[in-house]
């Protein structure tokens, strides 16, 4: 049966041109593979080679092989670890807020009410915007002189983005506003897949709302919720646009901003390539930990 399905229809236009199944497959697969090699794999390998050199893009001097020296210097640099600490704090605040807000919105939308489709579409608009545009928009909202946030909260001329202790949380709040709809969308898919008869049985047994939530809803939605956490953790760890556009406080210098400065302001190309690979290894490690928990959740 599979061979009959895969066989080319002799009456089709492709058959009249003499294209076989293999030719059609190669016509789509080979350009895709070539695109991935040229724009993803080749730069990845090329930058890996530079990470073992003292190459500077601003200099015509030849690149000298230095082995693991760039990695040793970076891992021994206390400022780099400060950037990682700031990034970790940002990831925890941002992803936690997105999960709580997104899942909460999904619970509210998981019912029938008027204009549900319109409201869901409007809630999804923030994640469709450019991050640079969102950063500039929220920078105006946070403005101490005419920003609407201070006016609404009655905070006077509170400096959101100039206060070193608050700036990081202000950027994280913007990220939560922008990407909570993504978590909401995945959570809605998980909630809609929960069998209705489980809720009916719980209602017959007179189970309370907390019991139903922690015993039925959350365990069944957990795998999709973990997938959302995986994606958002990876993206939050690489956040650059929001923090760079909104504020220049040292307390908001994420590791991606430090990488940008090292590569395009200080022109330490070899060392910046090494830092990029350190970030890549950390993201992959965190992702693998999440995937292990995801597999365990699926087995339950």
Protein backbone atom coordinates (compact mmCIF):
# COMPACT_ATOMS: atom_id res chain seq x y z
CA UNK A 1 0.00 0.00 0.00
CA UNK A 2 2.83 2.41 0.88
CA UNK A 3 4.45 1.78 -2.50
CA UNK A 4 1.18 2.52 -4.28
CA UNK A 5 0.78 5.80 -2.39
CA UNK A 6 4.38 6.84 -3.02
CA UNK A 7 4.19 5.98 -6.71
CA UNK A 8 3.81 8.96 -9.04
CA UNK A 9 0.46 9.31 -10.80
CA UNK A 10 1.17 8.56 -14.49
CA UNK A 11 -1.43 11.16 -15.54
CA UNK A 12 0.15 13.95 -13.54
CA UNK A 13 2.09 16.84 -15.10
CA UNK A 14 5.25 15.75 -13.27
CA UNK A 15 5.02 12.30 -14.85
CA UNK A 16 4.61 13.79 -18.30
CA UNK A 17 7.83 15.71 -17.76
CA UNK A 18 9.62 12.55 -16.75
CA UNK A 19 10.15 13.41 -13.07
CA UNK A 20 10.50 10.36 -10.86
CA UNK A 21 9.65 10.17 -7.16
CA UNK A 22 13.34 10.40 -6.33
CA UNK A 23 13.77 13.50 -8.51
CA UNK A 24 10.80 15.24 -6.89
CA UNK A 25 12.10 14.40 -3.41
CA UNK A 26 15.56 15.70 -4.24
CA UNK A 27 14.04 18.84 -5.73
CA UNK A 28 12.69 19.79 -2.31
CA UNK A 29 15.21 18.18 0.05
CA UNK A 30 18.53 19.17 -1.51
CA UNK A 31 17.90 22.98 -1.49
CA UNK A 32 16.79 22.75 2.14
CA UNK A 33 19.93 20.84 3.14
CA UNK A 34 22.10 23.28 1.19
CA UNK A 35 20.41 26.24 2.92
CA UNK A 36 21.02 24.71 6.37
CA UNK A 37 24.66 23.96 5.58
CA UNK A 38 25.40 27.42 4.18
CA UNK A 39 23.58 29.55 6.75
CA UNK A 40 23.74 27.39 9.89
CA UNK A 41 26.27 24.58 9.94
CA UNK A 42 29.10 26.34 8.10
CA UNK A 43 29.05 29.51 10.30
CA UNK A 44 28.83 27.28 13.37
CA UNK A 45 31.96 25.34 12.42
CA UNK A 46 33.73 28.48 11.17
CA UNK A 47 33.16 30.32 14.45
CA UNK A 48 34.29 27.25 16.39
CA UNK A 49 37.63 27.46 14.63
CA UNK A 50 37.94 31.17 15.45
CA UNK A 51 37.20 30.48 19.13
CA UNK A 52 40.64 28.85 19.41
CA UNK A 53 42.45 31.89 17.98
CA UNK A 54 43.19 35.51 18.92
CA UNK A 55 41.56 36.76 15.71
CA UNK A 56 40.27 40.35 15.58
CA UNK A 57 37.95 41.35 12.72
CA UNK A 58 39.19 44.96 12.97
CA UNK A 59 42.80 43.96 12.38
CA UNK A 60 44.57 42.62 9.30
CA UNK A 61 46.90 40.58 11.49
CA UNK A 62 46.68 36.82 10.93
CA UNK A 63 44.83 34.72 13.49
CA UNK A 64 47.13 32.86 15.88
CA UNK A 65 46.09 29.58 17.43
CA UNK A 66 45.83 29.93 21.22
CA UNK A 67 44.10 26.65 22.09
CA UNK A 68 41.71 26.85 25.03
CA UNK A 69 43.12 30.15 26.30
CA UNK A 70 39.99 32.12 25.30
CA UNK A 71 37.78 29.70 27.20
CA UNK A 72 40.03 29.79 30.27
CA UNK A 73 40.11 33.59 30.28
CA UNK A 74 36.33 33.84 29.98
CA UNK A 75 35.58 31.27 32.67
CA UNK A 76 38.04 33.01 35.02
CA UNK A 77 36.59 36.48 34.36
CA UNK A 78 34.37 37.59 37.29
CA UNK A 79 32.58 40.13 35.06
CA UNK A 80 31.45 37.35 32.73
CA UNK A 81 30.03 35.44 35.68
CA UNK A 82 28.24 38.61 36.76
CA UNK A 83 26.63 38.74 33.31
CA UNK A 84 25.60 35.10 33.65
CA UNK A 85 24.13 35.81 37.10
CA UNK A 86 22.12 38.74 35.72
CA UNK A 87 20.95 36.56 32.82
CA UNK A 88 19.92 33.72 35.15
CA UNK A 89 17.91 36.14 37.31
CA UNK A 90 16.26 37.56 34.21
CA UNK A 91 15.40 34.08 32.87
CA UNK A 92 13.87 32.96 36.17
CA UNK A 93 11.73 36.10 36.58
CA UNK A 94 10.70 36.28 32.93
CA UNK A 95 9.86 32.61 32.34
CA UNK A 96 8.10 32.24 35.71
CA UNK A 97 5.97 35.29 34.99
CA UNK A 98 5.14 34.07 31.47
CA UNK A 99 4.08 30.65 32.74
CA UNK A 100 1.88 32.07 35.52
CA UNK A 101 0.25 34.73 33.34
CA UNK A 102 -0.02 32.56 30.23
CA UNK A 103 -1.44 29.55 32.03
CA UNK A 104 -3.82 31.76 33.99
CA UNK A 105 -5.14 33.32 30.78
CA UNK A 106 -5.53 29.87 29.26
CA UNK A 107 -7.65 28.76 32.22
CA UNK A 108 -9.87 31.82 31.79
CA UNK A 109 -10.22 31.27 28.04
CA UNK A 110 -10.91 27.54 28.34
CA UNK A 111 -14.66 28.05 28.38
CA UNK A 112 -17.39 29.29 26.10
CA UNK A 113 -18.24 33.01 26.18
CA UNK A 114 -19.09 35.74 23.65
CA UNK A 115 -16.31 37.03 21.39
CA UNK A 116 -13.90 34.36 22.61
CA UNK A 117 -12.11 34.17 19.24
CA UNK A 118 -11.69 37.94 19.02
CA UNK A 119 -10.37 38.23 22.57
CA UNK A 120 -7.92 35.34 22.01
CA UNK A 121 -6.65 36.99 18.82
CA UNK A 122 -6.16 40.34 20.56
CA UNK A 123 -4.24 38.67 23.40
CA UNK A 124 -1.90 37.08 20.85
CA UNK A 125 -0.97 40.39 19.21
CA UNK A 126 2.01 41.27 21.49
CA UNK A 127 4.09 38.27 20.43
CA UNK A 128 3.59 39.20 16.76
CA UNK A 129 5.35 42.55 17.20
CA UNK A 130 9.03 43.28 16.72
CA UNK A 131 11.05 43.11 19.93
CA UNK A 132 12.76 46.41 19.15
CA UNK A 133 9.38 48.11 18.63
CA UNK A 134 8.06 46.61 21.88
CA UNK A 135 11.17 47.82 23.71
CA UNK A 136 10.73 51.40 22.44
CA UNK A 137 6.99 51.29 23.21
CA UNK A 138 7.52 50.18 26.80
CA UNK A 139 10.37 52.64 27.22
CA UNK A 140 7.83 55.39 26.60
CA UNK A 141 5.38 53.76 29.02
CA UNK A 142 8.09 53.69 31.70
CA UNK A 143 9.10 57.32 31.10
CA UNK A 144 9.11 59.15 34.47
CA UNK A 145 7.76 62.39 32.99
CA UNK A 146 4.85 61.35 30.76
CA UNK A 147 4.73 57.54 31.06
CA UNK A 148 1.27 56.14 31.68
CA UNK A 149 2.51 53.45 34.11
CA UNK A 150 3.60 55.94 36.78
CA UNK A 151 0.37 57.88 36.27
CA UNK A 152 -1.80 54.76 36.61
CA UNK A 153 0.03 53.53 39.72
CA UNK A 154 0.39 56.97 41.28
CA UNK A 155 4.18 56.69 41.53
CA UNK A 156 4.99 60.25 40.51
CA UNK A 157 8.36 60.44 38.73
CA UNK A 158 9.59 56.96 39.57
CA UNK A 159 12.63 55.97 37.48
CA UNK A 160 11.91 52.45 36.22
CA UNK A 161 14.76 52.10 33.74
CA UNK A 162 17.30 54.34 35.51
CA UNK A 163 17.09 52.59 38.88
CA UNK A 164 19.79 49.85 38.93
CA UNK A 165 17.73 47.68 41.25
CA UNK A 166 14.49 47.89 39.24
CA UNK A 167 15.62 48.11 35.61
CA UNK A 168 16.10 44.36 35.11
CA UNK A 169 12.63 43.61 36.47
CA UNK A 170 11.14 46.32 34.25
CA UNK A 171 12.67 44.65 31.18
CA UNK A 172 11.47 41.24 32.42
CA UNK A 173 7.95 42.64 32.84
CA UNK A 174 8.02 43.74 29.21
CA UNK A 175 9.13 40.27 28.15
CA UNK A 176 6.30 38.75 30.22
CA UNK A 177 3.76 41.02 28.49
CA UNK A 178 5.11 40.08 25.07
CA UNK A 179 5.47 36.31 25.39
CA UNK A 180 2.79 35.24 27.86
CA UNK A 181 0.42 34.74 24.87
CA UNK A 182 2.79 32.05 23.56
CA UNK A 183 2.45 30.08 26.80
CA UNK A 184 -1.28 30.78 26.75
CA UNK A 185 -1.61 29.33 23.26
CA UNK A 186 0.17 26.09 24.11
CA UNK A 187 -1.69 25.80 27.40
CA UNK A 188 -5.01 26.20 25.62
CA UNK A 189 -4.07 23.33 23.33
CA UNK A 190 -3.27 21.18 26.35
CA UNK A 191 -6.45 22.15 28.22
CA UNK A 192 -8.64 21.40 25.20
CA UNK A 193 -7.16 17.89 25.05
CA UNK A 194 -8.10 17.00 28.64
CA UNK A 195 -10.95 14.42 28.52
CA UNK A 196 -14.22 15.97 29.67
CA UNK A 197 -15.36 12.77 31.38
CA UNK A 198 -12.64 13.24 34.02
CA UNK A 199 -14.20 16.53 35.08
CA UNK A 200 -17.66 14.92 35.04
CA UNK A 201 -16.44 12.10 37.28
CA UNK A 202 -14.83 14.59 39.65
CA UNK A 203 -18.06 16.57 39.76
CA UNK A 204 -20.03 13.43 40.61
CA UNK A 205 -17.55 12.66 43.40
CA UNK A 206 -17.97 16.27 44.63
CA UNK A 207 -14.24 17.01 44.25
CA UNK A 208 -13.19 20.56 45.08
CA UNK A 209 -11.67 22.97 42.53
CA UNK A 210 -8.17 22.65 44.02
CA UNK A 211 -8.34 18.86 43.87
CA UNK A 212 -9.53 18.97 40.26
CA UNK A 213 -6.77 21.41 39.31
CA UNK A 214 -3.86 19.60 40.98
CA UNK A 215 -5.07 16.05 40.27
CA UNK A 216 -6.52 16.36 36.77
CA UNK A 217 -5.77 19.62 34.98
CA UNK A 218 -2.16 20.29 35.91
CA UNK A 219 -0.82 16.71 35.50
CA UNK A 220 -2.39 16.34 32.05
CA UNK A 221 -1.28 19.77 30.83
CA UNK A 222 2.22 19.48 32.34
CA UNK A 223 3.93 17.97 29.23
CA UNK A 224 2.78 20.82 26.95
CA UNK A 225 3.52 23.35 29.67
CA UNK A 226 7.07 21.99 29.91
CA UNK A 227 7.45 22.37 26.15
CA UNK A 228 6.47 26.03 26.49
CA UNK A 229 8.98 26.45 29.33
CA UNK A 230 11.73 24.88 27.21
CA UNK A 231 11.15 27.26 24.30
CA UNK A 232 10.80 30.34 26.47
CA UNK A 233 13.88 29.50 28.56
CA UNK A 234 16.01 29.18 25.44
CA UNK A 235 14.72 32.47 24.05
CA UNK A 236 14.97 34.34 27.37
CA UNK A 237 18.57 33.18 27.77
CA UNK A 238 19.36 34.76 24.38
CA UNK A 239 17.40 37.99 24.93
CA UNK A 240 19.17 40.99 23.45
CA UNK A 241 16.75 43.41 21.80
CA UNK A 242 14.59 44.38 24.77
CA UNK A 243 17.37 45.02 27.26
CA UNK A 244 19.58 46.77 24.69
CA UNK A 245 16.83 49.11 23.49
CA UNK A 246 15.24 49.90 26.85
CA UNK A 247 18.17 50.61 29.17
CA UNK A 248 21.96 50.74 29.43
CA UNK A 249 22.20 50.00 33.15
CA UNK A 250 25.08 47.66 34.16
CA UNK A 251 22.54 45.61 36.13
CA UNK A 252 20.72 44.78 32.87
CA UNK A 253 23.80 43.74 30.88
CA UNK A 254 22.71 40.25 29.87
CA UNK A 255 25.25 37.79 28.52
CA UNK A 256 24.02 38.43 24.96
CA UNK A 257 24.71 42.16 25.36
CA UNK A 258 28.17 41.41 26.73
CA UNK A 259 28.73 39.14 23.72
CA UNK A 260 27.68 41.92 21.36
CA UNK A 261 30.03 44.45 22.98
CA UNK A 262 32.92 42.00 22.94
CA UNK A 263 32.37 41.15 19.26
CA UNK A 264 31.38 44.48 17.69
CA UNK A 265 32.70 47.18 20.02
CA UNK A 266 35.89 45.68 21.41
CA UNK A 267 36.49 43.56 18.28
CA UNK A 268 37.65 40.52 20.26
CA UNK A 269 36.35 38.18 17.60
CA UNK A 270 38.08 34.99 18.76
CA UNK A 271 37.11 35.47 22.40
CA UNK A 272 33.53 36.40 21.48
CA UNK A 273 33.23 33.19 19.45
CA UNK A 274 34.39 31.26 22.52
CA UNK A 275 31.80 33.06 24.66
CA UNK A 276 29.09 32.24 22.12
CA UNK A 277 29.96 28.55 22.42
CA UNK A 278 29.90 28.72 26.21
CA UNK A 279 26.40 30.20 26.00
CA UNK A 280 25.40 27.50 23.50
CA UNK A 281 26.63 24.73 25.80
CA UNK A 282 24.75 26.22 28.76
CA UNK A 283 21.51 26.53 26.78
CA UNK A 284 21.83 22.94 25.55
CA UNK A 285 22.50 21.73 29.10
CA UNK A 286 19.45 23.51 30.50
CA UNK A 287 17.33 22.23 27.60
CA UNK A 288 18.44 18.63 28.19
CA UNK A 289 17.44 18.91 31.86
CA UNK A 290 13.99 20.11 30.82
CA UNK A 291 13.69 17.32 28.24
CA UNK A 292 14.43 14.71 30.90
CA UNK A 293 11.62 16.09 33.07
CA UNK A 294 9.39 16.19 29.99
CA UNK A 295 10.02 12.51 29.28
CA UNK A 296 9.23 11.66 32.89
CA UNK A 297 5.99 13.65 32.71
CA UNK A 298 4.96 11.80 29.54
CA UNK A 299 5.61 8.42 31.20
CA UNK A 300 3.19 9.16 34.05
